[in-house]
Amino acid sequence: MVPILIVLLLALILFGAGFALKILWWVALIVLAVWLLGFVVRGTSAGGGRGRWYRW
């Protein structure tokens, strides 16, 4: 009985970790897309040069 519970618990943990990692990959891809898009849509600064689109 105990080995079956351990296997089921391990399967549940691995499923949860895999689901969380999949979500984190999607979040990372979205952040990368926004970061790359920032280089395209950034405006010009008062001096005529191209400024940063973020403040940090």
PDB file of N, CA and C in Angstrom:
ATOM      1  N   MET A   1       0.833  -1.210   0.000  1.00  0.00           N
ATOM      2  CA  MET A   1       0.000   0.000   0.000  1.00  0.00           C
ATOM      3  C   MET A   1       0.861   1.251   0.000  1.00  0.00           C
ATOM      4  N   VAL A   2       1.911   1.258   0.833  1.00  0.00           N
ATOM      5  CA  VAL A   2       2.782   2.431   0.919  1.00  0.00           C
ATOM      6  C   VAL A   2       3.522   2.689  -0.397  1.00  0.00           C
ATOM      7  N   PRO A   3       4.072   1.655  -1.067  1.00  0.00           N
ATOM      8  CA  PRO A   3       4.736   1.931  -2.351  1.00  0.00           C
ATOM      9  C   PRO A   3       3.795   2.530  -3.396  1.00  0.00           C
ATOM     10  N   ILE A   4       2.542   2.098  -3.405  1.00  0.00           N
ATOM     11  CA  ILE A   4       1.577   2.660  -4.363  1.00  0.00           C
ATOM     12  C   ILE A   4       1.333   4.130  -4.056  1.00  0.00           C
ATOM     13  N   LEU A   5       1.211   4.473  -2.788  1.00  0.00           N
ATOM     14  CA  LEU A   5       1.020   5.876  -2.415  1.00  0.00           C
ATOM     15  C   LEU A   5       2.232   6.718  -2.777  1.00  0.00           C
ATOM     16  N   ILE A   6       3.428   6.166  -2.591  1.00  0.00           N
ATOM     17  CA  ILE A   6       4.648   6.906  -2.940  1.00  0.00           C
ATOM     18  C   ILE A   6       4.714   7.151  -4.440  1.00  0.00           C
ATOM     19  N   VAL A   7       4.381   6.144  -5.231  1.00  0.00           N
ATOM     20  CA  VAL A   7       4.388   6.297  -6.689  1.00  0.00           C
ATOM     21  C   VAL A   7       3.343   7.319  -7.129  1.00  0.00           C
ATOM     22  N   LEU A   8       2.156   7.268  -6.554  1.00  0.00           N
ATOM     23  CA  LEU A   8       1.114   8.234  -6.917  1.00  0.00           C
ATOM     24  C   LEU A   8       1.509   9.653  -6.505  1.00  0.00           C
ATOM     25  N   LEU A   9       2.121   9.791  -5.333  1.00  0.00           N
ATOM     26  CA  LEU A   9       2.573  11.098  -4.887  1.00  0.00           C
ATOM     27  C   LEU A   9       3.676  11.635  -5.789  1.00  0.00           C
ATOM     28  N   LEU A  10       4.597  10.770  -6.177  1.00  0.00           N
ATOM     29  CA  LEU A  10       5.670  11.174  -7.081  1.00  0.00           C
ATOM     30  C   LEU A  10       5.108  11.594  -8.438  1.00  0.00           C
ATOM     31  N   ALA A  11       4.134  10.842  -8.948  1.00  0.00           N
ATOM     32  CA  ALA A  11       3.514  11.191 -10.226  1.00  0.00           C
ATOM     33  C   ALA A  11       2.804  12.538 -10.135  1.00  0.00           C
ATOM     34  N   LEU A  12       2.137  12.787  -9.022  1.00  0.00           N
ATOM     35  CA  LEU A  12       1.438  14.059  -8.832  1.00  0.00           C
ATOM     36  C   LEU A  12       2.433  15.221  -8.766  1.00  0.00           C
ATOM     37  N   ILE A  13       3.538  15.028  -8.061  1.00  0.00           N
ATOM     38  CA  ILE A  13       4.550  16.084  -7.951  1.00  0.00           C
ATOM     39  C   ILE A  13       5.176  16.368  -9.314  1.00  0.00           C
ATOM     40  N   LEU A  14       5.511  15.314 -10.049  1.00  0.00           N
ATOM     41  CA  LEU A  14       6.127  15.519 -11.366  1.00  0.00           C
ATOM     42  C   LEU A  14       5.153  16.166 -12.348  1.00  0.00           C
ATOM     43  N   PHE A  15       3.879  15.799 -12.278  1.00  0.00           N
ATOM     44  CA  PHE A  15       2.885  16.430 -13.142  1.00  0.00           C
ATOM     45  C   PHE A  15       2.761  17.922 -12.810  1.00  0.00           C
ATOM     46  N   GLY A  16       2.728  18.229 -11.520  1.00  0.00           N
ATOM     47  CA  GLY A  16       2.627  19.630 -11.109  1.00  0.00           C
ATOM     48  C   GLY A  16       3.851  20.432 -11.513  1.00  0.00           C
ATOM     49  N   ALA A  17       5.028  19.836 -11.365  1.00  0.00           N
ATOM     50  CA  ALA A  17       6.259  20.533 -11.753  1.00  0.00           C
ATOM     51  C   ALA A  17       6.306  20.749 -13.262  1.00  0.00           C
ATOM     52  N   GLY A  18       5.894  19.731 -14.008  1.00  0.00           N
ATOM     53  CA  GLY A  18       5.889  19.867 -15.467  1.00  0.00           C
ATOM     54  C   GLY A  18       4.911  20.941 -15.927  1.00  0.00           C
ATOM     55  N   PHE A  19       3.754  21.002 -15.304  1.00  0.00           N
ATOM     56  CA  PHE A  19       2.769  22.028 -15.651  1.00  0.00           C
ATOM     57  C   PHE A  19       3.299  23.419 -15.321  1.00  0.00           C
ATOM     58  N   ALA A  20       3.939  23.566 -14.141  1.00  0.00           N
ATOM     59  CA  ALA A  20       4.492  24.860 -13.741  1.00  0.00           C
ATOM     60  C   ALA A  20       5.621  25.273 -14.675  1.00  0.00           C
ATOM     61  N   LEU A  21       6.474  24.325 -15.050  1.00  0.00           N
ATOM     62  CA  LEU A  21       7.574  24.657 -15.954  1.00  0.00           C
ATOM     63  C   LEU A  21       7.061  25.049 -17.330  1.00  0.00           C
ATOM     64  N   LYS A  22       5.988  24.409 -17.778  1.00  0.00           N
ATOM     65  CA  LYS A  22       5.412  24.771 -19.079  1.00  0.00           C
ATOM     66  C   LYS A  22       4.873  26.199 -19.044  1.00  0.00           C
ATOM     67  N   ILE A  23       4.213  26.557 -17.955  1.00  0.00           N
ATOM     68  CA  ILE A  23       3.710  27.923 -17.817  1.00  0.00           C
ATOM     69  C   ILE A  23       4.865  28.919 -17.768  1.00  0.00           C
ATOM     70  N   LEU A  24       5.937  28.563 -17.047  1.00  0.00           N
ATOM     71  CA  LEU A  24       7.089  29.462 -16.970  1.00  0.00           C
ATOM     72  C   LEU A  24       7.745  29.654 -18.338  1.00  0.00           C
ATOM     73  N   TRP A  25       7.772  28.624 -19.167  1.00  0.00           N
ATOM     74  CA  TRP A  25       8.316  28.786 -20.516  1.00  0.00           C
ATOM     75  C   TRP A  25       7.460  29.749 -21.337  1.00  0.00           C
ATOM     76  N   TRP A  26       6.139  29.656 -21.207  1.00  0.00           N
ATOM     77  CA  TRP A  26       5.262  30.576 -21.940  1.00  0.00           C
ATOM     78  C   TRP A  26       5.465  32.011 -21.455  1.00  0.00           C
ATOM     79  N   VAL A  27       5.596  32.192 -20.132  1.00  0.00           N
ATOM     80  CA  VAL A  27       5.837  33.532 -19.584  1.00  0.00           C
ATOM     81  C   VAL A  27       7.161  34.074 -20.098  1.00  0.00           C
ATOM     82  N   ALA A  28       8.196  33.230 -20.128  1.00  0.00           N
ATOM     83  CA  ALA A  28       9.503  33.668 -20.621  1.00  0.00           C
ATOM     84  C   ALA A  28       9.425  34.066 -22.091  1.00  0.00           C
ATOM     85  N   LEU A  29       8.687  33.327 -22.892  1.00  0.00           N
ATOM     86  CA  LEU A  29       8.553  33.678 -24.307  1.00  0.00           C
ATOM     87  C   LEU A  29       7.798  34.992 -24.499  1.00  0.00           C
ATOM     88  N   ILE A  30       6.782  35.230 -23.690  1.00  0.00           N
ATOM     89  CA  ILE A  30       6.036  36.488 -23.783  1.00  0.00           C
ATOM     90  C   ILE A  30       6.914  37.669 -23.393  1.00  0.00           C
ATOM     91  N   VAL A  31       7.692  37.503 -22.310  1.00  0.00           N
ATOM     92  CA  VAL A  31       8.589  38.578 -21.880  1.00  0.00           C
ATOM     93  C   VAL A  31       9.644  38.851 -22.948  1.00  0.00           C
ATOM     94  N   LEU A  32      10.185  37.807 -23.554  1.00  0.00           N
ATOM     95  CA  LEU A  32      11.165  37.979 -24.623  1.00  0.00           C
ATOM     96  C   LEU A  32      10.561  38.722 -25.812  1.00  0.00           C
ATOM     97  N   ALA A  33       9.325  38.383 -26.169  1.00  0.00           N
ATOM     98  CA  ALA A  33       8.660  39.054 -27.289  1.00  0.00           C
ATOM     99  C   ALA A  33       8.442  40.536 -26.987  1.00  0.00           C
ATOM    100  N   VAL A  34       8.029  40.860 -25.762  1.00  0.00           N
ATOM    101  CA  VAL A  34       7.829  42.262 -25.391  1.00  0.00           C
ATOM    102  C   VAL A  34       9.158  42.999 -25.395  1.00  0.00           C
ATOM    103  N   TRP A  35      10.211  42.347 -24.907  1.00  0.00           N
ATOM    104  CA  TRP A  35      11.538  42.975 -24.873  1.00  0.00           C
ATOM    105  C   TRP A  35      12.037  43.271 -26.283  1.00  0.00           C
ATOM    106  N   LEU A  36      11.876  42.311 -27.202  1.00  0.00           N
ATOM    107  CA  LEU A  36      12.299  42.522 -28.580  1.00  0.00           C
ATOM    108  C   LEU A  36      11.427  43.564 -29.274  1.00  0.00           C
ATOM    109  N   LEU A  37      10.149  43.575 -28.959  1.00  0.00           N
ATOM    110  CA  LEU A  37       9.246  44.567 -29.540  1.00  0.00           C
ATOM    111  C   LEU A  37       9.631  45.975 -29.097  1.00  0.00           C
ATOM    112  N   GLY A  38      10.181  46.101 -27.901  1.00  0.00           N
ATOM    113  CA  GLY A  38      10.608  47.393 -27.392  1.00  0.00           C
ATOM    114  C   GLY A  38      11.694  48.032 -28.236  1.00  0.00           C
ATOM    115  N   PHE A  39      12.555  47.224 -28.842  1.00  0.00           N
ATOM    116  CA  PHE A  39      13.595  47.770 -29.701  1.00  0.00           C
ATOM    117  C   PHE A  39      13.006  48.346 -30.984  1.00  0.00           C
ATOM    118  N   VAL A  40      11.881  47.816 -31.414  1.00  0.00           N
ATOM    119  CA  VAL A  40      11.257  48.266 -32.662  1.00  0.00           C
ATOM    120  C   VAL A  40      10.443  49.535 -32.441  1.00  0.00           C
ATOM    121  N   VAL A  41       9.734  49.621 -31.316  1.00  0.00           N
ATOM    122  CA  VAL A  41       8.790  50.717 -31.132  1.00  0.00           C
ATOM    123  C   VAL A  41       9.323  51.849 -30.266  1.00  0.00           C
ATOM    124  N   ARG A  42      10.574  51.767 -29.840  1.00  0.00           N
ATOM    125  CA  ARG A  42      11.073  52.853 -28.987  1.00  0.00           C
ATOM    126  C   ARG A  42      11.167  54.152 -29.781  1.00  0.00           C
ATOM    127  N   GLY A  43      10.874  55.231 -29.099  1.00  0.00           N
ATOM    128  CA  GLY A  43      10.858  56.536 -29.762  1.00  0.00           C
ATOM    129  C   GLY A  43      12.218  57.215 -29.704  1.00  0.00           C
ATOM    130  N   THR A  44      12.263  58.426 -30.247  1.00  0.00           N
ATOM    131  CA  THR A  44      13.503  59.200 -30.229  1.00  0.00           C
ATOM    132  C   THR A  44      13.503  60.117 -29.014  1.00  0.00           C
ATOM    133  N   SER A  45      14.687  60.409 -28.509  1.00  0.00           N
ATOM    134  CA  SER A  45      14.799  61.303 -27.364  1.00  0.00           C
ATOM    135  C   SER A  45      14.861  62.751 -27.845  1.00  0.00           C
ATOM    136  N   ALA A  46      14.962  63.682 -26.909  1.00  0.00           N
ATOM    137  CA  ALA A  46      14.972  65.100 -27.263  1.00  0.00           C
ATOM    138  C   ALA A  46      16.219  65.457 -28.068  1.00  0.00           C
ATOM    139  N   GLY A  47      17.322  64.754 -27.857  1.00  0.00           N
ATOM    140  CA  GLY A  47      18.558  65.027 -28.578  1.00  0.00           C
ATOM    141  C   GLY A  47      18.593  64.437 -29.970  1.00  0.00           C
ATOM    142  N   GLY A  48      17.566  63.768 -30.373  1.00  0.00           N
ATOM    143  CA  GLY A  48      17.515  63.188 -31.706  1.00  0.00           C
ATOM    144  C   GLY A  48      17.932  61.727 -31.730  1.00  0.00           C
ATOM    145  N   GLY A  49      18.528  61.247 -30.661  1.00  0.00           N
ATOM    146  CA  GLY A  49      18.936  59.852 -30.613  1.00  0.00           C
ATOM    147  C   GLY A  49      17.785  58.960 -30.195  1.00  0.00           C
ATOM    148  N   ARG A  50      18.030  57.697 -30.290  1.00  0.00           N
ATOM    149  CA  ARG A  50      16.989  56.756 -29.890  1.00  0.00           C
ATOM    150  C   ARG A  50      17.153  56.452 -28.414  1.00  0.00           C
ATOM    151  N   GLY A  51      16.083  56.687 -27.649  1.00  0.00           N
ATOM    152  CA  GLY A  51      16.132  56.484 -26.215  1.00  0.00           C
ATOM    153  C   GLY A  51      15.669  55.098 -25.816  1.00  0.00           C
ATOM    154  N   ARG A  52      15.833  54.817 -24.554  1.00  0.00           N
ATOM    155  CA  ARG A  52      15.361  53.535 -24.041  1.00  0.00           C
ATOM    156  C   ARG A  52      13.855  53.594 -23.827  1.00  0.00           C
ATOM    157  N   TRP A  53      13.189  52.480 -24.081  1.00  0.00           N
ATOM    158  CA  TRP A  53      11.728  52.443 -23.926  1.00  0.00           C
ATOM    159  C   TRP A  53      11.339  52.045 -22.522  1.00  0.00           C
ATOM    160  N   TYR A  54      12.291  51.660 -21.717  1.00  0.00           N
ATOM    161  CA  TYR A  54      12.016  51.312 -20.327  1.00  0.00           C
ATOM    162  C   TYR A  54      12.762  52.274 -19.435  1.00  0.00           C
ATOM    163  N   ARG A  55      12.453  52.316 -18.143  1.00  0.00           N
ATOM    164  CA  ARG A  55      13.011  53.334 -17.256  1.00  0.00           C
ATOM    165  C   ARG A  55      14.054  52.772 -16.314  1.00  0.00           C
ATOM    166  N   TRP A  56      14.318  51.475 -16.344  1.00  0.00           N
ATOM    167  CA  TRP A  56      15.301  50.917 -15.458  1.00  0.00           C
ATOM    168  C   TRP A  56      16.475  50.541 -16.244  1.00  0.00           C
TER     169      TRP A  56
END
